[in-house]
N, C-alpha and C. Protein backbone atom coordinates (compact mmCIF):
# COMPACT_ATOMS: atom_id res chain seq x y z
N UNK A 1 56.02 -21.31 15.36
CA UNK A 1 56.56 -20.47 16.13
C UNK A 1 57.57 -20.75 16.84
N UNK A 2 58.84 -20.22 16.73
CA UNK A 2 59.92 -20.82 17.65
C UNK A 2 59.16 -20.47 19.45
N UNK A 3 59.83 -21.77 20.20
CA UNK A 3 59.84 -21.13 21.97
C UNK A 3 60.77 -20.37 22.48
N UNK A 4 60.69 -19.86 23.67
CA UNK A 4 61.58 -18.67 24.18
C UNK A 4 63.26 -19.61 24.20
N UNK A 5 63.21 -20.81 24.54
CA UNK A 5 64.68 -21.68 24.20
C UNK A 5 65.01 -21.76 23.16
N UNK A 6 64.09 -21.81 22.00
CA UNK A 6 64.93 -22.07 20.65
C UNK A 6 65.56 -20.30 20.26
N UNK A 7 64.75 -19.51 20.75
CA UNK A 7 65.19 -18.02 20.60
C UNK A 7 66.27 -17.27 21.52
N UNK A 8 66.46 -18.24 22.51
CA UNK A 8 67.72 -17.73 23.79
C UNK A 8 68.66 -18.82 23.02
N UNK A 9 68.57 -19.82 22.41
CA UNK A 9 69.95 -20.63 21.50
C UNK A 9 70.57 -19.56 20.38
N UNK A 10 69.56 -19.47 19.84
CA UNK A 10 70.17 -18.30 18.45
C UNK A 10 70.75 -17.49 18.98
N UNK A 11 69.91 -16.74 20.27
CA UNK A 11 71.03 -15.59 20.47
C UNK A 11 72.31 -15.50 20.99
N UNK A 12 72.54 -16.70 21.64
CA UNK A 12 73.87 -17.13 22.09
C UNK A 12 74.80 -17.14 20.95
N UNK A 13 74.21 -18.33 20.10
CA UNK A 13 74.81 -18.97 18.94
C UNK A 13 75.30 -17.84 17.92
N UNK A 14 74.49 -16.43 17.97
CA UNK A 14 74.88 -15.75 17.24
C UNK A 14 76.07 -14.63 18.25
N UNK A 15 75.61 -14.84 19.17
CA UNK A 15 76.79 -13.52 20.40
C UNK A 15 77.81 -14.09 19.84
N UNK A 16 78.51 -15.78 20.14
CA UNK A 16 79.19 -16.48 20.01
C UNK A 16 80.25 -16.11 18.24
N UNK A 17 79.10 -15.78 17.49
CA UNK A 17 79.43 -15.79 16.20
C UNK A 17 80.13 -14.74 15.76
N UNK A 18 79.64 -13.64 16.92
CA UNK A 18 80.05 -12.29 16.59
C UNK A 18 81.05 -11.59 17.32
N UNK A 19 81.26 -12.17 18.17
CA UNK A 19 82.09 -11.96 18.96
C UNK A 19 83.58 -12.73 18.50
N UNK A 20 83.84 -14.05 17.68
CA UNK A 20 84.57 -14.62 16.90
C UNK A 20 84.93 -13.65 15.88
N UNK A 21 83.77 -13.38 14.94
CA UNK A 21 84.18 -12.35 14.34
C UNK A 21 84.94 -10.92 14.19
N UNK A 22 84.17 -10.36 15.88
CA UNK A 22 85.39 -9.63 16.18
C UNK A 22 87.08 -9.04 16.41
N UNK A 23 87.14 -10.68 16.93
CA UNK A 23 88.50 -11.09 16.96
C UNK A 23 88.90 -11.25 15.75
N UNK A 24 88.26 -11.90 14.45
CA UNK A 24 89.31 -11.84 13.57
C UNK A 24 89.42 -10.43 12.95
N UNK A 25 88.34 -9.39 12.87
CA UNK A 25 88.85 -8.29 12.52
C UNK A 25 89.67 -7.75 13.37
N UNK A 26 89.65 -7.83 14.55
CA UNK A 26 90.62 -7.26 15.24
C UNK A 26 92.51 -7.59 14.78
N UNK A 27 92.22 -9.08 14.68
CA UNK A 27 93.97 -9.58 13.57
C UNK A 27 93.96 -8.98 12.44
N UNK A 28 93.12 -8.77 11.47
CA UNK A 28 93.31 -8.50 10.62
C UNK A 28 93.41 -6.79 10.54
N UNK A 29 93.26 -6.26 11.19
CA UNK A 29 93.54 -4.96 11.73
C UNK A 29 95.12 -4.58 11.71
N UNK A 30 95.21 -5.39 12.82
CA UNK A 30 96.67 -5.50 13.59
C UNK A 30 97.91 -5.74 12.52
N UNK A 31 97.29 -6.77 11.35
CA UNK A 31 98.08 -7.36 9.97
C UNK A 31 98.38 -5.94 9.30
N UNK A 32 97.56 -5.51 9.20
CA UNK A 32 97.44 -4.51 7.97
C UNK A 32 98.40 -3.35 8.75
N UNK A 33 98.03 -2.89 10.21
CA UNK A 33 98.75 -1.75 10.29
C UNK A 33 100.44 -2.51 10.11
N UNK A 34 100.66 -3.79 10.42
CA UNK A 34 101.77 -4.05 10.29
C UNK A 34 102.52 -4.05 9.01
N UNK A 35 101.50 -4.62 8.27
CA UNK A 35 101.94 -4.09 6.55
C UNK A 35 102.31 -2.64 6.07
N UNK A 36 101.10 -2.24 6.72
CA UNK A 36 101.58 -0.48 6.40
C UNK A 36 102.80 0.18 6.77
N UNK A 37 103.29 -0.55 7.76
CA UNK A 37 104.44 -0.15 8.68
C UNK A 37 105.76 -0.59 7.57
N UNK A 38 105.95 -1.90 7.06
CA UNK A 38 106.54 -2.35 6.02
C UNK A 38 106.47 -1.97 5.08
N UNK A 39 105.38 -1.23 4.38
CA UNK A 39 105.65 -0.49 2.82
C UNK A 39 106.02 0.77 3.03
N UNK A 40 105.90 1.44 4.27
CA UNK A 40 106.57 2.82 4.41
C UNK A 40 108.24 2.61 4.54
N UNK A 41 108.36 2.01 5.60
CA UNK A 41 109.91 1.25 5.64
C UNK A 41 110.62 1.00 3.79
N UNK A 42 109.82 0.61 3.28
CA UNK A 42 110.08 -0.21 1.95
C UNK A 42 109.91 1.32 1.00
N UNK A 43 108.83 2.15 1.32
CA UNK A 43 108.98 3.33 0.39
C UNK A 43 110.03 4.10 0.89
N UNK A 44 110.58 4.16 2.41
CA UNK A 44 111.85 5.29 2.56
C UNK A 44 113.08 4.97 1.92
N UNK A 45 113.33 3.13 2.35
CA UNK A 45 114.55 3.02 1.06
C UNK A 45 114.40 3.44 -0.51
N UNK A 46 113.27 3.37 -0.93
CA UNK A 46 113.67 3.57 -2.48
C UNK A 46 113.86 4.90 -2.37
N UNK A 47 113.09 5.81 -1.69
CA UNK A 47 113.64 7.62 -2.23
C UNK A 47 114.93 7.88 -1.42
N UNK A 48 115.44 7.35 -0.65
CA UNK A 48 116.87 6.96 -0.14
C UNK A 48 117.69 6.47 -1.42
N UNK A 49 117.27 5.71 -2.05
CA UNK A 49 117.94 5.00 -2.92
C UNK A 49 118.61 6.05 -4.17
N UNK A 50 116.96 6.28 -4.20
CA UNK A 50 117.21 7.13 -5.68
C UNK A 50 117.68 8.61 -5.66
N UNK A 51 117.63 9.10 -4.52
CA UNK A 51 118.69 10.41 -4.25
C UNK A 51 120.08 10.00 -4.46
N UNK A 52 120.30 8.64 -4.09
CA UNK A 52 122.10 8.57 -4.59
C UNK A 52 122.67 8.33 -5.59
N UNK A 53 121.26 8.03 -6.77
CA UNK A 53 121.73 7.72 -7.87
C UNK A 53 122.19 8.94 -8.77
N UNK A 54 123.19 8.78 -9.88
CA UNK A 54 123.49 10.05 -10.15
C UNK A 54 122.10 10.33 -10.84
N UNK A 55 121.90 11.69 -11.43
CA UNK A 55 121.16 12.31 -12.19
C UNK A 55 121.37 12.59 -13.71
N UNK A 56 120.66 11.81 -14.74
CA UNK A 56 120.80 11.81 -16.00
C UNK A 56 121.39 10.47 -16.49
C-alpha cells in the first residue's frame, strides 16, 4: 500500500498536470476565437465580392 508521502507526491504531480493542461486549453480557446474572427472576415469579403459581380 502506498504511503501518505507517495499519495501526496502523486496529488502534487496531478495538480501540476491539470494546471498545465488548463493553460494549454486556454491557449487553444484563444486561438480558436482568433481563427473564427478571421473566418468571419473572409466570409464577409466573399459575400461583398459576390454582390459586385454581374448577374448572369
